[in-house]
Amino acid sequence: MSIELSTLKRALSIRLIFEGVGGWATRELIEVIEDYLMERLPLILNNSLEPHGYEASVLDIDPCTILPDESVCRESIAVAVYEHGGSKPLFYVIYQWRKGDNTFVFELARIVQKE
C-alpha cells in the first residue's frame, strides 16, 4: 500500500498553540495540556492513519538520531509510521515541542521517509 506524502502530512498535521499570562495557573494548565496530549497522541494519530492502512507509534528515542544534522530535532518527539500490522517503519514523523512559562507549542515539523 502506498500513500501520497501530502495525504500523510494532512493525516498527521497537528498544531497546538497555547499562550497565556505568566503565573502559576498558566504553568499548571500547560502541564495539564502536555500530559493529556502525550496520553492521547497515539490514539489521535492512529485514528487518523487507520483509514489509510497505517498505524503510528510514539518512539522513546532521541529524534536527533533520525535527523542528526537538523536543528528541528531538539525539543521534539519522534513517531514511527508503519503499514497496518507491519514491524518496519515506513516514515518517521517529527513533532516540535516548545514550552515556556506562559506558552506551549506542539506542531508537525518534518516527515522523513525511511529508505
PDB file of N, CA and C in Angstrom:
ATOM      1  N   MET A   1       0.842  -1.172   0.000  1.00  0.00           N
ATOM      2  CA  MET A   1       0.000   0.000   0.000  1.00  0.00           C
ATOM      3  C   MET A   1       0.890   1.238   0.000  1.00  0.00           C
ATOM      4  N   SER A   2       0.514   2.203  -0.768  1.00  0.00           N
ATOM      5  CA  SER A   2       1.305   3.425  -0.892  1.00  0.00           C
ATOM      6  C   SER A   2       0.421   4.628  -0.570  1.00  0.00           C
ATOM      7  N   ILE A   3       1.024   5.623   0.024  1.00  0.00           N
ATOM      8  CA  ILE A   3       0.285   6.826   0.380  1.00  0.00           C
ATOM      9  C   ILE A   3       1.049   8.041  -0.130  1.00  0.00           C
ATOM     10  N   GLU A   4       0.332   9.002  -0.655  1.00  0.00           N
ATOM     11  CA  GLU A   4       0.955  10.248  -1.099  1.00  0.00           C
ATOM     12  C   GLU A   4       1.458  10.996   0.128  1.00  0.00           C
ATOM     13  N   LEU A   5       2.595  11.648  -0.008  1.00  0.00           N
ATOM     14  CA  LEU A   5       3.167  12.396   1.102  1.00  0.00           C
ATOM     15  C   LEU A   5       2.228  13.515   1.563  1.00  0.00           C
ATOM     16  N   SER A   6       1.534  14.146   0.636  1.00  0.00           N
ATOM     17  CA  SER A   6       0.599  15.217   1.009  1.00  0.00           C
ATOM     18  C   SER A   6      -0.575  14.673   1.828  1.00  0.00           C
ATOM     19  N   THR A   7      -1.037  13.473   1.498  1.00  0.00           N
ATOM     20  CA  THR A   7      -2.111  12.837   2.259  1.00  0.00           C
ATOM     21  C   THR A   7      -1.630  12.476   3.648  1.00  0.00           C
ATOM     22  N   LEU A   8      -0.415  11.944   3.734  1.00  0.00           N
ATOM     23  CA  LEU A   8       0.160  11.597   5.027  1.00  0.00           C
ATOM     24  C   LEU A   8       0.329  12.843   5.890  1.00  0.00           C
ATOM     25  N   LYS A   9       0.808  13.908   5.280  1.00  0.00           N
ATOM     26  CA  LYS A   9       1.001  15.160   6.020  1.00  0.00           C
ATOM     27  C   LYS A   9      -0.335  15.677   6.548  1.00  0.00           C
ATOM     28  N   ARG A  10      -1.354  15.608   5.735  1.00  0.00           N
ATOM     29  CA  ARG A  10      -2.682  16.058   6.153  1.00  0.00           C
ATOM     30  C   ARG A  10      -3.207  15.190   7.304  1.00  0.00           C
ATOM     31  N   ALA A  11      -2.956  13.894   7.239  1.00  0.00           N
ATOM     32  CA  ALA A  11      -3.430  12.984   8.282  1.00  0.00           C
ATOM     33  C   ALA A  11      -2.686  13.181   9.600  1.00  0.00           C
ATOM     34  N   LEU A  12      -1.440  13.610   9.535  1.00  0.00           N
ATOM     35  CA  LEU A  12      -0.615  13.733  10.740  1.00  0.00           C
ATOM     36  C   LEU A  12      -0.474  15.164  11.247  1.00  0.00           C
ATOM     37  N   SER A  13      -1.050  16.097  10.536  1.00  0.00           N
ATOM     38  CA  SER A  13      -0.874  17.503  10.890  1.00  0.00           C
ATOM     39  C   SER A  13      -1.583  17.841  12.199  1.00  0.00           C
ATOM     40  N   ILE A  14      -0.803  18.273  13.165  1.00  0.00           N
ATOM     41  CA  ILE A  14      -1.310  18.742  14.450  1.00  0.00           C
ATOM     42  C   ILE A  14      -0.589  20.048  14.746  1.00  0.00           C
ATOM     43  N   ARG A  15      -1.345  21.027  15.151  1.00  0.00           N
ATOM     44  CA  ARG A  15      -0.739  22.294  15.572  1.00  0.00           C
ATOM     45  C   ARG A  15      -1.519  22.781  16.781  1.00  0.00           C
ATOM     46  N   LEU A  16      -0.870  22.748  17.918  1.00  0.00           N
ATOM     47  CA  LEU A  16      -1.485  23.157  19.169  1.00  0.00           C
ATOM     48  C   LEU A  16      -0.663  24.297  19.745  1.00  0.00           C
ATOM     49  N   ILE A  17      -1.289  25.447  19.924  1.00  0.00           N
ATOM     50  CA  ILE A  17      -0.593  26.615  20.465  1.00  0.00           C
ATOM     51  C   ILE A  17      -1.407  27.155  21.630  1.00  0.00           C
ATOM     52  N   PHE A  18      -0.740  27.334  22.759  1.00  0.00           N
ATOM     53  CA  PHE A  18      -1.375  27.955  23.910  1.00  0.00           C
ATOM     54  C   PHE A  18      -0.481  29.081  24.393  1.00  0.00           C
ATOM     55  N   GLU A  19      -1.063  30.246  24.567  1.00  0.00           N
ATOM     56  CA  GLU A  19      -0.354  31.386  25.140  1.00  0.00           C
ATOM     57  C   GLU A  19      -1.253  31.996  26.201  1.00  0.00           C
ATOM     58  N   GLY A  20      -0.670  32.317  27.326  1.00  0.00           N
ATOM     59  CA  GLY A  20      -1.450  32.916  28.401  1.00  0.00           C
ATOM     60  C   GLY A  20      -0.603  33.884  29.197  1.00  0.00           C
ATOM     61  N   VAL A  21      -1.220  34.476  30.175  1.00  0.00           N
ATOM     62  CA  VAL A  21      -0.481  35.391  31.046  1.00  0.00           C
ATOM     63  C   VAL A  21       0.470  34.577  31.915  1.00  0.00           C
ATOM     64  N   GLY A  22       1.560  35.190  32.352  1.00  0.00           N
ATOM     65  CA  GLY A  22       2.508  34.494  33.213  1.00  0.00           C
ATOM     66  C   GLY A  22       1.898  34.234  34.582  1.00  0.00           C
ATOM     67  N   GLY A  23       2.310  33.160  35.203  1.00  0.00           N
ATOM     68  CA  GLY A  23       1.826  32.857  36.548  1.00  0.00           C
ATOM     69  C   GLY A  23       1.678  31.367  36.753  1.00  0.00           C
ATOM     70  N   TRP A  24       1.463  31.005  38.004  1.00  0.00           N
ATOM     71  CA  TRP A  24       1.397  29.586  38.349  1.00  0.00           C
ATOM     72  C   TRP A  24       0.207  28.892  37.693  1.00  0.00           C
ATOM     73  N   ALA A  25      -0.929  29.578  37.561  1.00  0.00           N
ATOM     74  CA  ALA A  25      -2.115  28.951  36.969  1.00  0.00           C
ATOM     75  C   ALA A  25      -1.874  28.601  35.504  1.00  0.00           C
ATOM     76  N   THR A  26      -1.194  29.474  34.785  1.00  0.00           N
ATOM     77  CA  THR A  26      -0.876  29.206  33.382  1.00  0.00           C
ATOM     78  C   THR A  26       0.100  28.048  33.266  1.00  0.00           C
ATOM     79  N   ARG A  27       1.133  28.044  34.107  1.00  0.00           N
ATOM     80  CA  ARG A  27       2.102  26.935  34.078  1.00  0.00           C
ATOM     81  C   ARG A  27       1.425  25.607  34.404  1.00  0.00           C
ATOM     82  N   GLU A  28       0.500  25.630  35.352  1.00  0.00           N
ATOM     83  CA  GLU A  28      -0.225  24.416  35.715  1.00  0.00           C
ATOM     84  C   GLU A  28      -1.090  23.932  34.550  1.00  0.00           C
ATOM     85  N   LEU A  29      -1.752  24.857  33.875  1.00  0.00           N
ATOM     86  CA  LEU A  29      -2.570  24.491  32.718  1.00  0.00           C
ATOM     87  C   LEU A  29      -1.706  23.906  31.605  1.00  0.00           C
ATOM     88  N   ILE A  30      -0.539  24.482  31.380  1.00  0.00           N
ATOM     89  CA  ILE A  30       0.380  23.954  30.366  1.00  0.00           C
ATOM     90  C   ILE A  30       0.781  22.524  30.712  1.00  0.00           C
ATOM     91  N   GLU A  31       1.038  22.240  31.983  1.00  0.00           N
ATOM     92  CA  GLU A  31       1.378  20.874  32.405  1.00  0.00           C
ATOM     93  C   GLU A  31       0.225  19.909  32.118  1.00  0.00           C
ATOM     94  N   VAL A  32      -1.003  20.344  32.388  1.00  0.00           N
ATOM     95  CA  VAL A  32      -2.176  19.503  32.133  1.00  0.00           C
ATOM     96  C   VAL A  32      -2.321  19.238  30.633  1.00  0.00           C
ATOM     97  N   ILE A  33      -2.172  20.283  29.823  1.00  0.00           N
ATOM     98  CA  ILE A  33      -2.260  20.137  28.366  1.00  0.00           C
ATOM     99  C   ILE A  33      -1.191  19.172  27.866  1.00  0.00           C
ATOM    100  N   GLU A  34       0.035  19.341  28.342  1.00  0.00           N
ATOM    101  CA  GLU A  34       1.151  18.484  27.931  1.00  0.00           C
ATOM    102  C   GLU A  34       0.889  17.024  28.292  1.00  0.00           C
ATOM    103  N   ASP A  35       0.464  16.777  29.520  1.00  0.00           N
ATOM    104  CA  ASP A  35       0.189  15.402  29.955  1.00  0.00           C
ATOM    105  C   ASP A  35      -0.934  14.767  29.139  1.00  0.00           C
ATOM    106  N   TYR A  36      -2.000  15.516  28.916  1.00  0.00           N
ATOM    107  CA  TYR A  36      -3.136  14.983  28.173  1.00  0.00           C
ATOM    108  C   TYR A  36      -2.770  14.711  26.714  1.00  0.00           C
ATOM    109  N   LEU A  37      -2.012  15.618  26.125  1.00  0.00           N
ATOM    110  CA  LEU A  37      -1.573  15.425  24.742  1.00  0.00           C
ATOM    111  C   LEU A  37      -0.745  14.151  24.614  1.00  0.00           C
ATOM    112  N   MET A  38       0.209  13.955  25.504  1.00  0.00           N
ATOM    113  CA  MET A  38       1.063  12.772  25.406  1.00  0.00           C
ATOM    114  C   MET A  38       0.282  11.483  25.659  1.00  0.00           C
ATOM    115  N   GLU A  39      -0.741  11.563  26.492  1.00  0.00           N
ATOM    116  CA  GLU A  39      -1.585  10.399  26.747  1.00  0.00           C
ATOM    117  C   GLU A  39      -2.434  10.057  25.523  1.00  0.00           C
ATOM    118  N   ARG A  40      -2.928  11.067  24.833  1.00  0.00           N
ATOM    119  CA  ARG A  40      -3.854  10.872  23.724  1.00  0.00           C
ATOM    120  C   ARG A  40      -3.211  10.843  22.343  1.00  0.00           C
ATOM    121  N   LEU A  41      -1.963  11.270  22.225  1.00  0.00           N
ATOM    122  CA  LEU A  41      -1.323  11.366  20.913  1.00  0.00           C
ATOM    123  C   LEU A  41      -1.363  10.053  20.127  1.00  0.00           C
ATOM    124  N   PRO A  42      -1.016   8.903  20.716  1.00  0.00           N
ATOM    125  CA  PRO A  42      -1.094   7.658  19.930  1.00  0.00           C
ATOM    126  C   PRO A  42      -2.504   7.385  19.392  1.00  0.00           C
ATOM    127  N   LEU A  43      -3.505   7.642  20.204  1.00  0.00           N
ATOM    128  CA  LEU A  43      -4.888   7.427  19.776  1.00  0.00           C
ATOM    129  C   LEU A  43      -5.277   8.387  18.652  1.00  0.00           C
ATOM    130  N   ILE A  44      -4.896   9.654  18.789  1.00  0.00           N
ATOM    131  CA  ILE A  44      -5.196  10.657  17.766  1.00  0.00           C
ATOM    132  C   ILE A  44      -4.556  10.270  16.433  1.00  0.00           C
ATOM    133  N   LEU A  45      -3.272   9.907  16.480  1.00  0.00           N
ATOM    134  CA  LEU A  45      -2.552   9.564  15.251  1.00  0.00           C
ATOM    135  C   LEU A  45      -3.107   8.302  14.609  1.00  0.00           C
ATOM    136  N   ASN A  46      -3.365   7.276  15.416  1.00  0.00           N
ATOM    137  CA  ASN A  46      -3.867   6.024  14.853  1.00  0.00           C
ATOM    138  C   ASN A  46      -5.275   6.172  14.286  1.00  0.00           C
ATOM    139  N   ASN A  47      -6.112   6.977  14.911  1.00  0.00           N
ATOM    140  CA  ASN A  47      -7.447   7.226  14.348  1.00  0.00           C
ATOM    141  C   ASN A  47      -7.357   7.915  12.998  1.00  0.00           C
ATOM    142  N   SER A  48      -6.370   8.762  12.841  1.00  0.00           N
ATOM    143  CA  SER A  48      -6.198   9.484  11.583  1.00  0.00           C
ATOM    144  C   SER A  48      -5.568   8.607  10.492  1.00  0.00           C
ATOM    145  N   LEU A  49      -4.685   7.706  10.889  1.00  0.00           N
ATOM    146  CA  LEU A  49      -3.968   6.878   9.915  1.00  0.00           C
ATOM    147  C   LEU A  49      -4.702   5.596   9.528  1.00  0.00           C
ATOM    148  N   GLU A  50      -5.543   5.093  10.400  1.00  0.00           N
ATOM    149  CA  GLU A  50      -6.213   3.814  10.170  1.00  0.00           C
ATOM    150  C   GLU A  50      -6.964   3.737   8.839  1.00  0.00           C
ATOM    151  N   PRO A  51      -7.703   4.764   8.425  1.00  0.00           N
ATOM    152  CA  PRO A  51      -8.403   4.670   7.134  1.00  0.00           C
ATOM    153  C   PRO A  51      -7.466   4.512   5.932  1.00  0.00           C
ATOM    154  N   HIS A  52      -6.202   4.864   6.109  1.00  0.00           N
ATOM    155  CA  HIS A  52      -5.220   4.757   5.025  1.00  0.00           C
ATOM    156  C   HIS A  52      -4.417   3.455   5.098  1.00  0.00           C
ATOM    157  N   GLY A  53      -4.701   2.610   6.106  1.00  0.00           N
ATOM    158  CA  GLY A  53      -3.998   1.346   6.245  1.00  0.00           C
ATOM    159  C   GLY A  53      -2.671   1.448   6.975  1.00  0.00           C
ATOM    160  N   TYR A  54      -2.514   2.484   7.794  1.00  0.00           N
ATOM    161  CA  TYR A  54      -1.268   2.695   8.532  1.00  0.00           C
ATOM    162  C   TYR A  54      -1.550   2.827  10.017  1.00  0.00           C
ATOM    163  N   GLU A  55      -0.498   2.712  10.799  1.00  0.00           N
ATOM    164  CA  GLU A  55      -0.582   2.929  12.238  1.00  0.00           C
ATOM    165  C   GLU A  55       0.696   3.610  12.704  1.00  0.00           C
ATOM    166  N   ALA A  56       0.631   4.222  13.880  1.00  0.00           N
ATOM    167  CA  ALA A  56       1.762   5.004  14.384  1.00  0.00           C
ATOM    168  C   ALA A  56       2.130   4.564  15.790  1.00  0.00           C
ATOM    169  N   SER A  57       3.377   4.837  16.125  1.00  0.00           N
ATOM    170  CA  SER A  57       3.881   4.550  17.460  1.00  0.00           C
ATOM    171  C   SER A  57       4.801   5.688  17.883  1.00  0.00           C
ATOM    172  N   VAL A  58       4.540   6.268  19.056  1.00  0.00           N
ATOM    173  CA  VAL A  58       5.423   7.298  19.593  1.00  0.00           C
ATOM    174  C   VAL A  58       6.679   6.594  20.081  1.00  0.00           C
ATOM    175  N   LEU A  59       7.830   7.054  19.609  1.00  0.00           N
ATOM    176  CA  LEU A  59       9.098   6.392  19.909  1.00  0.00           C
ATOM    177  C   LEU A  59       9.749   6.971  21.158  1.00  0.00           C
ATOM    178  N   ASP A  60      10.397   6.107  21.891  1.00  0.00           N
ATOM    179  CA  ASP A  60      11.134   6.519  23.082  1.00  0.00           C
ATOM    180  C   ASP A  60      12.617   6.640  22.729  1.00  0.00           C
ATOM    181  N   ILE A  61      12.903   7.461  21.717  1.00  0.00           N
ATOM    182  CA  ILE A  61      14.285   7.687  21.288  1.00  0.00           C
ATOM    183  C   ILE A  61      14.503   9.184  21.103  1.00  0.00           C
ATOM    184  N   ASP A  62      15.746   9.568  21.033  1.00  0.00           N
ATOM    185  CA  ASP A  62      16.097  10.957  20.759  1.00  0.00           C
ATOM    186  C   ASP A  62      15.880  11.204  19.267  1.00  0.00           C
ATOM    187  N   PRO A  63      15.015  12.147  18.897  1.00  0.00           N
ATOM    188  CA  PRO A  63      14.774  12.425  17.478  1.00  0.00           C
ATOM    189  C   PRO A  63      16.029  12.828  16.714  1.00  0.00           C
ATOM    190  N   CYS A  64      17.071  13.262  17.408  1.00  0.00           N
ATOM    191  CA  CYS A  64      18.322  13.632  16.731  1.00  0.00           C
ATOM    192  C   CYS A  64      19.011  12.408  16.121  1.00  0.00           C
ATOM    193  N   THR A  65      18.629  11.196  16.526  1.00  0.00           N
ATOM    194  CA  THR A  65      19.180  10.003  15.880  1.00  0.00           C
ATOM    195  C   THR A  65      18.588   9.820  14.485  1.00  0.00           C
ATOM    196  N   ILE A  66      17.401  10.375  14.267  1.00  0.00           N
ATOM    197  CA  ILE A  66      16.757  10.303  12.955  1.00  0.00           C
ATOM    198  C   ILE A  66      17.223  11.455  12.073  1.00  0.00           C
ATOM    199  N   LEU A  67      17.330  12.637  12.645  1.00  0.00           N
ATOM    200  CA  LEU A  67      17.748  13.843  11.923  1.00  0.00           C
ATOM    201  C   LEU A  67      18.946  14.465  12.628  1.00  0.00           C
ATOM    202  N   PRO A  68      20.113  13.836  12.562  1.00  0.00           N
ATOM    203  CA  PRO A  68      21.252  14.301  13.361  1.00  0.00           C
ATOM    204  C   PRO A  68      21.762  15.690  13.012  1.00  0.00           C
ATOM    205  N   ASP A  69      21.598  16.129  11.790  1.00  0.00           N
ATOM    206  CA  ASP A  69      22.146  17.421  11.381  1.00  0.00           C
ATOM    207  C   ASP A  69      21.108  18.537  11.358  1.00  0.00           C
ATOM    208  N   GLU A  70      19.961  18.297  11.908  1.00  0.00           N
ATOM    209  CA  GLU A  70      18.869  19.271  11.844  1.00  0.00           C
ATOM    210  C   GLU A  70      18.607  19.884  13.215  1.00  0.00           C
ATOM    211  N   SER A  71      18.390  21.179  13.228  1.00  0.00           N
ATOM    212  CA  SER A  71      18.060  21.848  14.488  1.00  0.00           C
ATOM    213  C   SER A  71      16.648  21.492  14.945  1.00  0.00           C
ATOM    214  N   VAL A  72      15.813  21.021  14.026  1.00  0.00           N
ATOM    215  CA  VAL A  72      14.439  20.675  14.358  1.00  0.00           C
ATOM    216  C   VAL A  72      14.372  19.477  15.310  1.00  0.00           C
ATOM    217  N   CYS A  73      15.450  18.711  15.423  1.00  0.00           N
ATOM    218  CA  CYS A  73      15.406  17.521  16.270  1.00  0.00           C
ATOM    219  C   CYS A  73      15.416  17.870  17.755  1.00  0.00           C
ATOM    220  N   ARG A  74      15.927  19.040  18.095  1.00  0.00           N
ATOM    221  CA  ARG A  74      15.915  19.437  19.503  1.00  0.00           C
ATOM    222  C   ARG A  74      14.496  19.826  19.903  1.00  0.00           C
ATOM    223  N   GLU A  75      14.156  19.570  21.139  1.00  0.00           N
ATOM    224  CA  GLU A  75      12.818  19.870  21.654  1.00  0.00           C
ATOM    225  C   GLU A  75      11.738  19.276  20.756  1.00  0.00           C
ATOM    226  N   SER A  76      11.850  17.993  20.495  1.00  0.00           N
ATOM    227  CA  SER A  76      10.872  17.345  19.632  1.00  0.00           C
ATOM    228  C   SER A  76      10.677  15.897  20.054  1.00  0.00           C
ATOM    229  N   ILE A  77       9.664  15.269  19.474  1.00  0.00           N
ATOM    230  CA  ILE A  77       9.438  13.845  19.687  1.00  0.00           C
ATOM    231  C   ILE A  77       9.334  13.175  18.321  1.00  0.00           C
ATOM    232  N   ALA A  78       9.624  11.888  18.311  1.00  0.00           N
ATOM    233  CA  ALA A  78       9.592  11.126  17.062  1.00  0.00           C
ATOM    234  C   ALA A  78       8.460  10.106  17.106  1.00  0.00           C
ATOM    235  N   VAL A  79       7.852   9.922  15.953  1.00  0.00           N
ATOM    236  CA  VAL A  79       6.778   8.954  15.776  1.00  0.00           C
ATOM    237  C   VAL A  79       7.138   8.104  14.565  1.00  0.00           C
ATOM    238  N   ALA A  80       6.935   6.811  14.667  1.00  0.00           N
ATOM    239  CA  ALA A  80       7.145   5.914  13.529  1.00  0.00           C
ATOM    240  C   ALA A  80       5.789   5.567  12.928  1.00  0.00           C
ATOM    241  N   VAL A  81       5.733   5.533  11.607  1.00  0.00           N
ATOM    242  CA  VAL A  81       4.508   5.159  10.895  1.00  0.00           C
ATOM    243  C   VAL A  81       4.773   3.837  10.188  1.00  0.00           C
ATOM    244  N   TYR A  82       3.890   2.875  10.427  1.00  0.00           N
ATOM    245  CA  TYR A  82       4.009   1.522   9.881  1.00  0.00           C
ATOM    246  C   TYR A  82       2.798   1.209   9.015  1.00  0.00           C
ATOM    247  N   GLU A  83       2.984   0.285   8.088  1.00  0.00           N
ATOM    248  CA  GLU A  83       1.833  -0.298   7.420  1.00  0.00           C
ATOM    249  C   GLU A  83       1.086  -1.085   8.492  1.00  0.00           C
ATOM    250  N   HIS A  84      -0.246  -1.115   8.436  1.00  0.00           N
ATOM    251  CA  HIS A  84      -1.024  -1.794   9.472  1.00  0.00           C
ATOM    252  C   HIS A  84      -0.534  -3.231   9.657  1.00  0.00           C
ATOM    253  N   GLY A  85      -0.145  -3.558  10.869  1.00  0.00           N
ATOM    254  CA  GLY A  85       0.362  -4.888  11.177  1.00  0.00           C
ATOM    255  C   GLY A  85       1.830  -5.078  10.864  1.00  0.00           C
ATOM    256  N   GLY A  86       2.476  -4.073  10.309  1.00  0.00           N
ATOM    257  CA  GLY A  86       3.891  -4.173   9.947  1.00  0.00           C
ATOM    258  C   GLY A  86       4.810  -3.942  11.134  1.00  0.00           C
ATOM    259  N   SER A  87       6.079  -4.268  10.937  1.00  0.00           N
ATOM    260  CA  SER A  87       7.048  -4.100  12.017  1.00  0.00           C
ATOM    261  C   SER A  87       8.177  -3.140  11.661  1.00  0.00           C
ATOM    262  N   LYS A  88       8.286  -2.786  10.381  1.00  0.00           N
ATOM    263  CA  LYS A  88       9.343  -1.864   9.954  1.00  0.00           C
ATOM    264  C   LYS A  88       8.734  -0.502   9.641  1.00  0.00           C
ATOM    265  N   PRO A  89       9.293   0.564  10.232  1.00  0.00           N
ATOM    266  CA  PRO A  89       8.755   1.899   9.955  1.00  0.00           C
ATOM    267  C   PRO A  89       8.932   2.283   8.485  1.00  0.00           C
ATOM    268  N   LEU A  90       7.907   2.895   7.918  1.00  0.00           N
ATOM    269  CA  LEU A  90       7.977   3.421   6.557  1.00  0.00           C
ATOM    270  C   LEU A  90       8.334   4.902   6.578  1.00  0.00           C
ATOM    271  N   PHE A  91       7.887   5.593   7.628  1.00  0.00           N
ATOM    272  CA  PHE A  91       8.135   7.022   7.794  1.00  0.00           C
ATOM    273  C   PHE A  91       8.450   7.301   9.253  1.00  0.00           C
ATOM    274  N   TYR A  92       9.221   8.348   9.453  1.00  0.00           N
ATOM    275  CA  TYR A  92       9.387   8.921  10.788  1.00  0.00           C
ATOM    276  C   TYR A  92       8.775  10.312  10.742  1.00  0.00           C
ATOM    277  N   VAL A  93       8.083  10.653  11.785  1.00  0.00           N
ATOM    278  CA  VAL A  93       7.432  11.951  11.877  1.00  0.00           C
ATOM    279  C   VAL A  93       8.006  12.666  13.092  1.00  0.00           C
ATOM    280  N   ILE A  94       8.422  13.899  12.888  1.00  0.00           N
ATOM    281  CA  ILE A  94       8.994  14.690  13.970  1.00  0.00           C
ATOM    282  C   ILE A  94       8.012  15.805  14.314  1.00  0.00           C
ATOM    283  N   TYR A  95       7.634  15.845  15.573  1.00  0.00           N
ATOM    284  CA  TYR A  95       6.794  16.924  16.089  1.00  0.00           C
ATOM    285  C   TYR A  95       7.649  17.804  16.981  1.00  0.00           C
ATOM    286  N   GLN A  96       7.626  19.094  16.715  1.00  0.00           N
ATOM    287  CA  GLN A  96       8.393  20.032  17.528  1.00  0.00           C
ATOM    288  C   GLN A  96       7.568  20.427  18.744  1.00  0.00           C
ATOM    289  N   TRP A  97       8.278  20.633  19.826  1.00  0.00           N
ATOM    290  CA  TRP A  97       7.672  20.825  21.122  1.00  0.00           C
ATOM    291  C   TRP A  97       8.380  21.982  21.795  1.00  0.00           C
ATOM    292  N   ARG A  98       7.690  23.076  22.047  1.00  0.00           N
ATOM    293  CA  ARG A  98       8.301  24.214  22.747  1.00  0.00           C
ATOM    294  C   ARG A  98       7.419  24.579  23.931  1.00  0.00           C
ATOM    295  N   LYS A  99       8.066  24.740  25.069  1.00  0.00           N
ATOM    296  CA  LYS A  99       7.318  25.036  26.280  1.00  0.00           C
ATOM    297  C   LYS A  99       8.039  26.133  27.048  1.00  0.00           C
ATOM    298  N   GLY A 100       7.290  27.142  27.466  1.00  0.00           N
ATOM    299  CA  GLY A 100       7.837  28.221  28.271  1.00  0.00           C
ATOM    300  C   GLY A 100       6.942  28.469  29.471  1.00  0.00           C
ATOM    301  N   ASP A 101       7.223  29.538  30.195  1.00  0.00           N
ATOM    302  CA  ASP A 101       6.421  29.859  31.381  1.00  0.00           C
ATOM    303  C   ASP A 101       4.961  30.125  31.049  1.00  0.00           C
ATOM    304  N   ASN A 102       4.718  30.725  29.900  1.00  0.00           N
ATOM    305  CA  ASN A 102       3.329  31.032  29.551  1.00  0.00           C
ATOM    306  C   ASN A 102       2.966  30.611  28.128  1.00  0.00           C
ATOM    307  N   THR A 103       3.781  29.746  27.518  1.00  0.00           N
ATOM    308  CA  THR A 103       3.483  29.278  26.160  1.00  0.00           C
ATOM    309  C   THR A 103       3.723  27.776  26.033  1.00  0.00           C
ATOM    310  N   PHE A 104       2.962  27.180  25.146  1.00  0.00           N
ATOM    311  CA  PHE A 104       3.142  25.774  24.803  1.00  0.00           C
ATOM    312  C   PHE A 104       2.818  25.644  23.324  1.00  0.00           C
ATOM    313  N   VAL A 105       3.749  25.084  22.560  1.00  0.00           N
ATOM    314  CA  VAL A 105       3.550  24.892  21.123  1.00  0.00           C
ATOM    315  C   VAL A 105       3.917  23.453  20.782  1.00  0.00           C
ATOM    316  N   PHE A 106       3.033  22.784  20.063  1.00  0.00           N
ATOM    317  CA  PHE A 106       3.266  21.425  19.584  1.00  0.00           C
ATOM    318  C   PHE A 106       2.793  21.398  18.146  1.00  0.00           C
ATOM    319  N   GLU A 107       3.711  21.051  17.215  1.00  0.00           N
ATOM    320  CA  GLU A 107       3.317  21.058  15.804  1.00  0.00           C
ATOM    321  C   GLU A 107       4.176  20.109  14.980  1.00  0.00           C
ATOM    322  N   LEU A 108       3.598  19.677  13.871  1.00  0.00           N
ATOM    323  CA  LEU A 108       4.308  18.835  12.920  1.00  0.00           C
ATOM    324  C   LEU A 108       5.483  19.610  12.348  1.00  0.00           C
ATOM    325  N   ALA A 109       6.670  19.023  12.428  1.00  0.00           N
ATOM    326  CA  ALA A 109       7.866  19.693  11.913  1.00  0.00           C
ATOM    327  C   ALA A 109       8.361  19.049  10.624  1.00  0.00           C
ATOM    328  N   ARG A 110       8.391  17.722  10.578  1.00  0.00           N
ATOM    329  CA  ARG A 110       9.000  17.061   9.419  1.00  0.00           C
ATOM    330  C   ARG A 110       8.507  15.622   9.311  1.00  0.00           C
ATOM    331  N   ILE A 111       8.371  15.160   8.081  1.00  0.00           N
ATOM    332  CA  ILE A 111       8.109  13.753   7.784  1.00  0.00           C
ATOM    333  C   ILE A 111       9.306  13.246   7.004  1.00  0.00           C
ATOM    334  N   VAL A 112       9.888  12.150   7.474  1.00  0.00           N
ATOM    335  CA  VAL A 112      11.077  11.581   6.849  1.00  0.00           C
ATOM    336  C   VAL A 112      10.724  10.181   6.359  1.00  0.00           C
ATOM    337  N   GLN A 113      10.866   9.955   5.055  1.00  0.00           N
ATOM    338  CA  GLN A 113      10.603   8.627   4.503  1.00  0.00           C
ATOM    339  C   GLN A 113      11.807   7.744   4.761  1.00  0.00           C
ATOM    340  N   LYS A 114      11.562   6.573   5.315  1.00  0.00           N
ATOM    341  CA  LYS A 114      12.642   5.635   5.598  1.00  0.00           C
ATOM    342  C   LYS A 114      13.062   4.978   4.297  1.00  0.00           C
ATOM    343  N   GLU A 115      14.360   4.885   4.106  1.00  0.00           N
ATOM    344  CA  GLU A 115      14.877   4.299   2.855  1.00  0.00           C
ATOM    345  C   GLU A 115      15.185   2.842   3.001  1.00  0.00           C
TER     346      GLU A 115
END
